[in-house]
Amino acid sequence: HHVSTVIRPALERGEVVITDRFVDSSLAYQGAGRTLSVDEVAKL
């Protein structure tokens, strides 16, 4: 929802987007931290 309603519209307006956390946080927290498959979290 964040990407669809906030980030992509800003990029399409030509803005620089600075976000505190993004996909890599899920790979580290839910992948490594929760010991889920990092590849599966990446696909999601």
All heavy atoms as atom14 arrays in JSON, in Angstrom:
{
  "sequence": "HHVSTVIRPALERGEVVITDRFVDSSLAYQGAGRTLSVDEVAKL",
  "atom14_mask": [
    [1, 1, 1, 1, 1, 1, 1, 1, 1, 1, 0, 0, 0, 0],
    [1, 1, 1, 1, 1, 1, 1, 1, 1, 1, 0, 0, 0, 0],
    [1, 1, 1, 1, 1, 1, 1, 0, 0, 0, 0, 0, 0, 0],
    [1, 1, 1, 1, 1, 1, 0, 0, 0, 0, 0, 0, 0, 0],
    [1, 1, 1, 1, 1, 1, 1, 0, 0, 0, 0, 0, 0, 0],
    [1, 1, 1, 1, 1, 1, 1, 0, 0, 0, 0, 0, 0, 0],
    [1, 1, 1, 1, 1, 1, 1, 1, 0, 0, 0, 0, 0, 0],
    [1, 1, 1, 1, 1, 1, 1, 1, 1, 1, 1, 0, 0, 0],
    [1, 1, 1, 1, 1, 1, 1, 0, 0, 0, 0, 0, 0, 0],
    [1, 1, 1, 1, 1, 0, 0, 0, 0, 0, 0, 0, 0, 0],
    [1, 1, 1, 1, 1, 1, 1, 1, 0, 0, 0, 0, 0, 0],
    [1, 1, 1, 1, 1, 1, 1, 1, 1, 0, 0, 0, 0, 0],
    [1, 1, 1, 1, 1, 1, 1, 1, 1, 1, 1, 0, 0, 0],
    [1, 1, 1, 1, 0, 0, 0, 0, 0, 0, 0, 0, 0, 0],
    [1, 1, 1, 1, 1, 1, 1, 1, 1, 0, 0, 0, 0, 0],
    [1, 1, 1, 1, 1, 1, 1, 0, 0, 0, 0, 0, 0, 0],
    [1, 1, 1, 1, 1, 1, 1, 0, 0, 0, 0, 0, 0, 0],
    [1, 1, 1, 1, 1, 1, 1, 1, 0, 0, 0, 0, 0, 0],
    [1, 1, 1, 1, 1, 1, 1, 0, 0, 0, 0, 0, 0, 0],
    [1, 1, 1, 1, 1, 1, 1, 1, 0, 0, 0, 0, 0, 0],
    [1, 1, 1, 1, 1, 1, 1, 1, 1, 1, 1, 0, 0, 0],
    [1, 1, 1, 1, 1, 1, 1, 1, 1, 1, 1, 0, 0, 0],
    [1, 1, 1, 1, 1, 1, 1, 0, 0, 0, 0, 0, 0, 0],
    [1, 1, 1, 1, 1, 1, 1, 1, 0, 0, 0, 0, 0, 0],
    [1, 1, 1, 1, 1, 1, 0, 0, 0, 0, 0, 0, 0, 0],
    [1, 1, 1, 1, 1, 1, 0, 0, 0, 0, 0, 0, 0, 0],
    [1, 1, 1, 1, 1, 1, 1, 1, 0, 0, 0, 0, 0, 0],
    [1, 1, 1, 1, 1, 0, 0, 0, 0, 0, 0, 0, 0, 0],
    [1, 1, 1, 1, 1, 1, 1, 1, 1, 1, 1, 1, 0, 0],
    [1, 1, 1, 1, 1, 1, 1, 1, 1, 0, 0, 0, 0, 0],
    [1, 1, 1, 1, 0, 0, 0, 0, 0, 0, 0, 0, 0, 0],
    [1, 1, 1, 1, 1, 0, 0, 0, 0, 0, 0, 0, 0, 0],
    [1, 1, 1, 1, 0, 0, 0, 0, 0, 0, 0, 0, 0, 0],
    [1, 1, 1, 1, 1, 1, 1, 1, 1, 1, 1, 0, 0, 0],
    [1, 1, 1, 1, 1, 1, 1, 0, 0, 0, 0, 0, 0, 0],
    [1, 1, 1, 1, 1, 1, 1, 1, 0, 0, 0, 0, 0, 0],
    [1, 1, 1, 1, 1, 1, 0, 0, 0, 0, 0, 0, 0, 0],
    [1, 1, 1, 1, 1, 1, 1, 0, 0, 0, 0, 0, 0, 0],
    [1, 1, 1, 1, 1, 1, 1, 1, 0, 0, 0, 0, 0, 0],
    [1, 1, 1, 1, 1, 1, 1, 1, 1, 0, 0, 0, 0, 0],
    [1, 1, 1, 1, 1, 1, 1, 0, 0, 0, 0, 0, 0, 0],
    [1, 1, 1, 1, 1, 0, 0, 0, 0, 0, 0, 0, 0, 0],
    [1, 1, 1, 1, 1, 1, 1, 1, 1, 0, 0, 0, 0, 0],
    [1, 1, 1, 1, 1, 1, 1, 1, 0, 0, 0, 0, 0, 0]
  ],
  "atom14_positions": [
    [[0.83, -1.2, 0.0], [0.0, 0.0, 0.0], [0.87, 1.26, 0.0], [0.56, 2.24, -0.69], [-0.91, -0.01, 1.23], [-1.96, 1.05, 1.2], [-2.97, 1.08, 0.27], [-2.14, 2.15, 1.99], [-3.74, 2.13, 0.49], [-3.25, 2.8, 1.52], [0.0, 0.0, 0.0], [0.0, 0.0, 0.0], [0.0, 0.0, 0.0], [0.0, 0.0, 0.0]],
    [[1.95, 1.22, 0.74], [2.88, 2.35, 0.81], [3.48, 2.65, -0.56], [3.52, 3.8, -1.0], [3.98, 2.0, 1.82], [4.92, 3.11, 2.13], [6.25, 2.88, 2.41], [4.76, 4.45, 2.21], [6.84, 4.04, 2.65], [5.97, 5.0, 2.54], [0.0, 0.0, 0.0], [0.0, 0.0, 0.0], [0.0, 0.0, 0.0], [0.0, 0.0, 0.0]],
    [[3.93, 1.61, -1.24], [4.52, 1.8, -2.57], [3.47, 2.31, -3.55], [3.72, 3.25, -4.33], [5.14, 0.48, -3.08], [5.48, 0.58, -4.57], [6.4, 0.14, -2.29], [0.0, 0.0, 0.0], [0.0, 0.0, 0.0], [0.0, 0.0, 0.0], [0.0, 0.0, 0.0], [0.0, 0.0, 0.0], [0.0, 0.0, 0.0], [0.0, 0.0, 0.0]],
    [[2.28, 1.71, -3.53], [1.25, 2.07, -4.48], [0.72, 3.49, -4.3], [0.47, 4.19, -5.28], [0.08, 1.07, -4.37], [-0.97, 1.42, -5.24], [0.0, 0.0, 0.0], [0.0, 0.0, 0.0], [0.0, 0.0, 0.0], [0.0, 0.0, 0.0], [0.0, 0.0, 0.0], [0.0, 0.0, 0.0], [0.0, 0.0, 0.0], [0.0, 0.0, 0.0]],
    [[0.58, 3.93, -3.05], [-0.08, 5.21, -2.79], [0.86, 6.35, -2.44], [0.47, 7.52, -2.52], [-1.11, 5.07, -1.65], [-0.42, 4.72, -0.43], [-2.14, 4.0, -1.98], [0.0, 0.0, 0.0], [0.0, 0.0, 0.0], [0.0, 0.0, 0.0], [0.0, 0.0, 0.0], [0.0, 0.0, 0.0], [0.0, 0.0, 0.0], [0.0, 0.0, 0.0]],
    [[2.1, 6.03, -2.08], [3.03, 7.08, -1.65], [4.3, 7.11, -2.5], [4.63, 8.13, -3.1], [3.41, 6.91, -0.15], [4.45, 7.96, 0.27], [2.17, 7.02, 0.73], [0.0, 0.0, 0.0], [0.0, 0.0, 0.0], [0.0, 0.0, 0.0], [0.0, 0.0, 0.0], [0.0, 0.0, 0.0], [0.0, 0.0, 0.0], [0.0, 0.0, 0.0]],
    [[5.02, 6.0, -2.54], [6.35, 6.01, -3.15], [6.29, 6.14, -4.67], [6.94, 7.03, -5.25], [7.14, 4.75, -2.74], [7.42, 4.78, -1.24], [8.46, 4.67, -3.52], [8.17, 3.58, -0.72], [0.0, 0.0, 0.0], [0.0, 0.0, 0.0], [0.0, 0.0, 0.0], [0.0, 0.0, 0.0], [0.0, 0.0, 0.0], [0.0, 0.0, 0.0]],
    [[5.54, 5.26, -5.35], [5.51, 5.34, -6.82], [4.95, 6.67, -7.31], [5.51, 7.26, -8.25], [4.73, 4.17, -7.41], [5.53, 2.88, -7.45], [4.91, 1.86, -8.38], [5.64, 0.61, -8.36], [6.73, 0.36, -9.05], [7.23, 1.3, -9.84], [7.34, -0.81, -8.98], [0.0, 0.0, 0.0], [0.0, 0.0, 0.0], [0.0, 0.0, 0.0]],
    [[3.86, 7.2, -6.74], [3.39, 8.51, -7.19], [4.45, 9.6, -7.04], [4.58, 10.47, -7.91], [2.18, 8.78, -6.28], [1.66, 7.42, -5.96], [2.89, 6.57, -5.8], [0.0, 0.0, 0.0], [0.0, 0.0, 0.0], [0.0, 0.0, 0.0], [0.0, 0.0, 0.0], [0.0, 0.0, 0.0], [0.0, 0.0, 0.0], [0.0, 0.0, 0.0]],
    [[5.23, 9.55, -5.95], [6.29, 10.54, -5.75], [7.38, 10.38, -6.81], [7.88, 11.37, -7.36], [6.89, 10.41, -4.36], [0.0, 0.0, 0.0], [0.0, 0.0, 0.0], [0.0, 0.0, 0.0], [0.0, 0.0, 0.0], [0.0, 0.0, 0.0], [0.0, 0.0, 0.0], [0.0, 0.0, 0.0], [0.0, 0.0, 0.0], [0.0, 0.0, 0.0]],
    [[7.77, 9.14, -7.1], [8.78, 8.9, -8.13], [8.3, 9.37, -9.5], [9.07, 9.95, -10.27], [9.14, 7.41, -8.18], [9.87, 6.84, -6.95], [10.01, 5.32, -7.08], [11.23, 7.49, -6.77], [0.0, 0.0, 0.0], [0.0, 0.0, 0.0], [0.0, 0.0, 0.0], [0.0, 0.0, 0.0], [0.0, 0.0, 0.0], [0.0, 0.0, 0.0]],
    [[7.02, 9.14, -9.77], [6.47, 9.58, -11.05], [6.42, 11.1, -11.16], [6.46, 11.65, -12.27], [5.08, 8.97, -11.24], [5.12, 7.47, -11.49], [3.76, 6.81, -11.39], [2.76, 7.54, -11.15], [3.67, 5.57, -11.54], [0.0, 0.0, 0.0], [0.0, 0.0, 0.0], [0.0, 0.0, 0.0], [0.0, 0.0, 0.0], [0.0, 0.0, 0.0]],
    [[6.36, 11.79, -10.02], [6.43, 13.25, -10.02], [7.85, 13.75, -10.12], [8.09, 14.96, -10.14], [5.78, 13.81, -8.75], [4.29, 13.57, -8.63], [3.69, 14.41, -7.51], [4.25, 14.1, -6.2], [3.75, 13.19, -5.36], [2.67, 12.49, -5.69], [4.32, 12.99, -4.18], [0.0, 0.0, 0.0], [0.0, 0.0, 0.0], [0.0, 0.0, 0.0]],
    [[8.81, 12.84, -10.14], [10.22, 13.22, -10.24], [10.87, 13.54, -8.9], [11.93, 14.17, -8.85], [0.0, 0.0, 0.0], [0.0, 0.0, 0.0], [0.0, 0.0, 0.0], [0.0, 0.0, 0.0], [0.0, 0.0, 0.0], [0.0, 0.0, 0.0], [0.0, 0.0, 0.0], [0.0, 0.0, 0.0], [0.0, 0.0, 0.0], [0.0, 0.0, 0.0]],
    [[10.26, 13.09, -7.81], [10.8, 13.38, -6.49], [11.83, 12.34, -6.06], [11.81, 11.2, -6.51], [9.67, 13.44, -5.46], [8.67, 14.55, -5.71], [7.56, 14.58, -4.68], [7.73, 13.99, -3.58], [6.51, 15.18, -4.97], [0.0, 0.0, 0.0], [0.0, 0.0, 0.0], [0.0, 0.0, 0.0], [0.0, 0.0, 0.0], [0.0, 0.0, 0.0]],
    [[12.74, 12.77, -5.19], [13.66, 11.85, -4.53], [12.93, 11.31, -3.3], [12.37, 12.07, -2.51], [14.94, 12.58, -4.08], [15.83, 11.64, -3.26], [15.7, 13.12, -5.29], [0.0, 0.0, 0.0], [0.0, 0.0, 0.0], [0.0, 0.0, 0.0], [0.0, 0.0, 0.0], [0.0, 0.0, 0.0], [0.0, 0.0, 0.0], [0.0, 0.0, 0.0]],
    [[12.9, 9.98, -3.15], [12.22, 9.37, -2.02], [13.25, 8.82, -1.04], [14.12, 8.03, -1.41], [11.28, 8.23, -2.48], [10.64, 7.55, -1.27], [10.21, 8.78, -3.41], [0.0, 0.0, 0.0], [0.0, 0.0, 0.0], [0.0, 0.0, 0.0], [0.0, 0.0, 0.0], [0.0, 0.0, 0.0], [0.0, 0.0, 0.0], [0.0, 0.0, 0.0]],
    [[13.14, 9.26, 0.2], [13.97, 8.74, 1.29], [13.04, 8.03, 2.25], [12.13, 8.64, 2.82], [14.71, 9.87, 2.03], [15.63, 10.63, 1.07], [15.53, 9.29, 3.19], [16.26, 11.86, 1.69], [0.0, 0.0, 0.0], [0.0, 0.0, 0.0], [0.0, 0.0, 0.0], [0.0, 0.0, 0.0], [0.0, 0.0, 0.0], [0.0, 0.0, 0.0]],
    [[13.23, 6.73, 2.42], [12.35, 5.99, 3.31], [13.15, 5.28, 4.4], [14.21, 4.71, 4.14], [11.49, 4.96, 2.55], [10.66, 4.26, 3.48], [12.32, 3.97, 1.77], [0.0, 0.0, 0.0], [0.0, 0.0, 0.0], [0.0, 0.0, 0.0], [0.0, 0.0, 0.0], [0.0, 0.0, 0.0], [0.0, 0.0, 0.0], [0.0, 0.0, 0.0]],
    [[12.66, 5.38, 5.61], [13.24, 4.68, 6.75], [12.69, 3.27, 6.74], [11.53, 3.04, 7.11], [12.87, 5.42, 8.03], [13.47, 4.76, 9.27], [14.21, 3.77, 9.12], [13.18, 5.24, 10.39], [0.0, 0.0, 0.0], [0.0, 0.0, 0.0], [0.0, 0.0, 0.0], [0.0, 0.0, 0.0], [0.0, 0.0, 0.0], [0.0, 0.0, 0.0]],
    [[13.47, 2.33, 6.25], [13.16, 0.91, 6.08], [12.43, 0.66, 4.76], [11.66, 1.48, 4.29], [12.36, 0.34, 7.26], [13.1, 0.45, 8.57], [12.43, -0.32, 9.68], [13.14, -0.14, 10.93], [14.24, -0.8, 11.27], [14.75, -1.68, 10.45], [14.83, -0.57, 12.43], [0.0, 0.0, 0.0], [0.0, 0.0, 0.0], [0.0, 0.0, 0.0]],
    [[12.73, -0.53, 4.21], [12.08, -0.97, 2.97], [12.21, -2.48, 2.92], [12.24, -3.13, 3.97], [12.69, -0.25, 1.75], [11.86, -0.34, 0.51], [10.56, 0.14, 0.48], [12.38, -0.9, -0.65], [9.78, 0.07, -0.67], [11.62, -0.97, -1.81], [10.32, -0.48, -1.82], [0.0, 0.0, 0.0], [0.0, 0.0, 0.0], [0.0, 0.0, 0.0]],
    [[12.33, -3.05, 1.75], [12.3, -4.51, 1.59], [13.39, -5.2, 2.42], [13.14, -6.23, 3.05], [12.46, -4.89, 0.1], [12.69, -6.38, -0.05], [11.22, -4.46, -0.68], [0.0, 0.0, 0.0], [0.0, 0.0, 0.0], [0.0, 0.0, 0.0], [0.0, 0.0, 0.0], [0.0, 0.0, 0.0], [0.0, 0.0, 0.0], [0.0, 0.0, 0.0]],
    [[14.58, -4.64, 2.44], [15.69, -5.31, 3.12], [15.41, -5.54, 4.6], [15.91, -6.49, 5.2], [16.97, -4.51, 2.95], [17.35, -4.4, 1.49], [16.44, -4.26, 0.65], [18.54, -4.44, 1.17], [0.0, 0.0, 0.0], [0.0, 0.0, 0.0], [0.0, 0.0, 0.0], [0.0, 0.0, 0.0], [0.0, 0.0, 0.0], [0.0, 0.0, 0.0]],
    [[14.6, -4.66, 5.19], [14.25, -4.85, 6.59], [13.47, -6.14, 6.79], [13.66, -6.87, 7.77], [13.43, -3.66, 7.1], [14.23, -2.51, 7.21], [0.0, 0.0, 0.0], [0.0, 0.0, 0.0], [0.0, 0.0, 0.0], [0.0, 0.0, 0.0], [0.0, 0.0, 0.0], [0.0, 0.0, 0.0], [0.0, 0.0, 0.0], [0.0, 0.0, 0.0]],
    [[12.57, -6.46, 5.86], [11.83, -7.73, 5.96], [12.75, -8.92, 5.77], [12.61, -9.96, 6.43], [10.69, -7.77, 4.93], [9.63, -6.93, 5.31], [0.0, 0.0, 0.0], [0.0, 0.0, 0.0], [0.0, 0.0, 0.0], [0.0, 0.0, 0.0], [0.0, 0.0, 0.0], [0.0, 0.0, 0.0], [0.0, 0.0, 0.0], [0.0, 0.0, 0.0]],
    [[13.72, -8.78, 4.87], [14.66, -9.89, 4.65], [15.5, -10.14, 5.9], [15.81, -11.29, 6.23], [15.55, -9.58, 3.46], [14.83, -9.38, 2.13], [15.83, -9.17, 1.01], [13.92, -10.55, 1.8], [0.0, 0.0, 0.0], [0.0, 0.0, 0.0], [0.0, 0.0, 0.0], [0.0, 0.0, 0.0], [0.0, 0.0, 0.0], [0.0, 0.0, 0.0]],
    [[15.86, -9.06, 6.59], [16.68, -9.2, 7.8], [15.85, -9.63, 9.0], [16.22, -10.54, 9.74], [17.4, -7.89, 8.09], [0.0, 0.0, 0.0], [0.0, 0.0, 0.0], [0.0, 0.0, 0.0], [0.0, 0.0, 0.0], [0.0, 0.0, 0.0], [0.0, 0.0, 0.0], [0.0, 0.0, 0.0], [0.0, 0.0, 0.0], [0.0, 0.0, 0.0]],
    [[14.7, -8.97, 9.21], [13.9, -9.25, 10.41], [13.07, -10.53, 10.28], [13.12, -11.4, 11.15], [12.97, -8.07, 10.71], [13.64, -6.96, 11.48], [14.35, -5.96, 10.81], [13.59, -6.91, 12.87], [14.98, -4.94, 11.52], [14.21, -5.9, 13.58], [14.91, -4.91, 12.9], [15.54, -3.91, 13.59], [0.0, 0.0, 0.0], [0.0, 0.0, 0.0]],
    [[12.28, -10.62, 9.21], [11.43, -11.79, 9.08], [12.19, -12.97, 8.47], [11.89, -14.11, 8.78], [10.18, -11.47, 8.24], [9.12, -10.68, 8.99], [9.55, -9.25, 9.3], [9.88, -8.49, 8.38], [9.54, -8.9, 10.57], [0.0, 0.0, 0.0], [0.0, 0.0, 0.0], [0.0, 0.0, 0.0], [0.0, 0.0, 0.0], [0.0, 0.0, 0.0]],
    [[13.16, -12.68, 7.6], [13.98, -13.75, 7.03], [14.98, -14.27, 8.04], [14.81, -15.34, 8.62], [0.0, 0.0, 0.0], [0.0, 0.0, 0.0], [0.0, 0.0, 0.0], [0.0, 0.0, 0.0], [0.0, 0.0, 0.0], [0.0, 0.0, 0.0], [0.0, 0.0, 0.0], [0.0, 0.0, 0.0], [0.0, 0.0, 0.0], [0.0, 0.0, 0.0]],
    [[16.02, -13.48, 8.29], [17.08, -13.92, 9.2], [16.59, -14.0, 10.65], [16.84, -14.97, 11.36], [18.28, -12.98, 9.09], [0.0, 0.0, 0.0], [0.0, 0.0, 0.0], [0.0, 0.0, 0.0], [0.0, 0.0, 0.0], [0.0, 0.0, 0.0], [0.0, 0.0, 0.0], [0.0, 0.0, 0.0], [0.0, 0.0, 0.0], [0.0, 0.0, 0.0]],
    [[15.89, -12.95, 11.09], [15.48, -12.89, 12.49], [14.5, -13.98, 12.87], [14.67, -14.67, 13.89], [0.0, 0.0, 0.0], [0.0, 0.0, 0.0], [0.0, 0.0, 0.0], [0.0, 0.0, 0.0], [0.0, 0.0, 0.0], [0.0, 0.0, 0.0], [0.0, 0.0, 0.0], [0.0, 0.0, 0.0], [0.0, 0.0, 0.0], [0.0, 0.0, 0.0]],
    [[13.48, -14.19, 12.04], [12.47, -15.21, 12.32], [12.83, -16.56, 11.72], [12.06, -17.52, 11.83], [11.11, -14.77, 11.76], [10.55, -13.5, 12.37], [10.29, -13.65, 13.84], [9.57, -12.5, 14.38], [9.6, -12.14, 15.65], [10.32, -12.86, 16.52], [8.94, -11.08, 16.07], [0.0, 0.0, 0.0], [0.0, 0.0, 0.0], [0.0, 0.0, 0.0]],
    [[13.97, -16.64, 11.07], [14.48, -17.86, 10.42], [13.51, -18.4, 9.38], [13.39, -19.61, 9.2], [14.85, -18.96, 11.44], [13.67, -19.41, 12.13], [15.86, -18.44, 12.46], [0.0, 0.0, 0.0], [0.0, 0.0, 0.0], [0.0, 0.0, 0.0], [0.0, 0.0, 0.0], [0.0, 0.0, 0.0], [0.0, 0.0, 0.0], [0.0, 0.0, 0.0]],
    [[12.81, -17.5, 8.7], [12.04, -17.89, 7.52], [12.99, -17.93, 6.32], [14.1, -17.39, 6.39], [10.92, -16.87, 7.25], [9.83, -16.75, 8.3], [8.87, -15.62, 7.93], [9.07, -18.06, 8.47], [0.0, 0.0, 0.0], [0.0, 0.0, 0.0], [0.0, 0.0, 0.0], [0.0, 0.0, 0.0], [0.0, 0.0, 0.0], [0.0, 0.0, 0.0]],
    [[12.54, -18.52, 5.24], [13.36, -18.54, 4.03], [13.51, -17.12, 3.49], [12.51, -16.46, 3.16], [12.7, -19.43, 2.97], [13.27, -19.18, 1.7], [0.0, 0.0, 0.0], [0.0, 0.0, 0.0], [0.0, 0.0, 0.0], [0.0, 0.0, 0.0], [0.0, 0.0, 0.0], [0.0, 0.0, 0.0], [0.0, 0.0, 0.0], [0.0, 0.0, 0.0]],
    [[14.74, -16.64, 3.39], [14.98, -15.29, 2.86], [14.5, -15.2, 1.42], [13.94, -14.18, 1.0], [16.47, -14.92, 2.97], [16.75, -13.58, 2.3], [16.88, -14.85, 4.44], [0.0, 0.0, 0.0], [0.0, 0.0, 0.0], [0.0, 0.0, 0.0], [0.0, 0.0, 0.0], [0.0, 0.0, 0.0], [0.0, 0.0, 0.0], [0.0, 0.0, 0.0]],
    [[14.69, -16.26, 0.65], [14.23, -16.27, -0.74], [12.71, -16.13, -0.82], [12.19, -15.41, -1.68], [14.67, -17.55, -1.45], [16.15, -17.55, -1.78], [16.75, -16.46, -1.78], [16.7, -18.64, -2.02], [0.0, 0.0, 0.0], [0.0, 0.0, 0.0], [0.0, 0.0, 0.0], [0.0, 0.0, 0.0], [0.0, 0.0, 0.0], [0.0, 0.0, 0.0]],
    [[12.0, -16.81, 0.06], [10.54, -16.72, 0.04], [10.06, -15.32, 0.47], [9.13, -14.77, -0.11], [9.93, -17.78, 0.95], [10.07, -19.19, 0.39], [9.39, -20.22, 1.26], [8.84, -19.85, 2.33], [9.39, -21.41, 0.88], [0.0, 0.0, 0.0], [0.0, 0.0, 0.0], [0.0, 0.0, 0.0], [0.0, 0.0, 0.0], [0.0, 0.0, 0.0]],
    [[10.7, -14.75, 1.49], [10.35, -13.39, 1.9], [10.67, -12.4, 0.78], [9.93, -11.44, 0.53], [11.1, -13.0, 3.2], [10.79, -11.55, 3.57], [10.7, -13.92, 4.35], [0.0, 0.0, 0.0], [0.0, 0.0, 0.0], [0.0, 0.0, 0.0], [0.0, 0.0, 0.0], [0.0, 0.0, 0.0], [0.0, 0.0, 0.0], [0.0, 0.0, 0.0]],
    [[11.76, -12.65, 0.06], [12.13, -11.79, -1.06], [11.07, -11.85, -2.17], [10.7, -10.82, -2.75], [13.5, -12.2, -1.62], [0.0, 0.0, 0.0], [0.0, 0.0, 0.0], [0.0, 0.0, 0.0], [0.0, 0.0, 0.0], [0.0, 0.0, 0.0], [0.0, 0.0, 0.0], [0.0, 0.0, 0.0], [0.0, 0.0, 0.0], [0.0, 0.0, 0.0]],
    [[10.58, -13.04, -2.46], [9.54, -13.19, -3.49], [8.28, -12.45, -3.08], [7.64, -11.77, -3.89], [9.25, -14.66, -3.73], [10.37, -15.41, -4.44], [10.01, -16.89, -4.58], [11.16, -17.67, -5.23], [10.86, -19.12, -5.31], [0.0, 0.0, 0.0], [0.0, 0.0, 0.0], [0.0, 0.0, 0.0], [0.0, 0.0, 0.0], [0.0, 0.0, 0.0]],
    [[7.9, -12.58, -1.8], [6.72, -11.88, -1.3], [6.9, -10.36, -1.41], [6.01, -9.65, -1.86], [6.48, -12.28, 0.16], [5.37, -11.53, 0.91], [4.02, -11.82, 0.27], [5.37, -11.93, 2.38], [0.0, 0.0, 0.0], [0.0, 0.0, 0.0], [0.0, 0.0, 0.0], [0.0, 0.0, 0.0], [0.0, 0.0, 0.0], [0.0, 0.0, 0.0]]
  ]
}
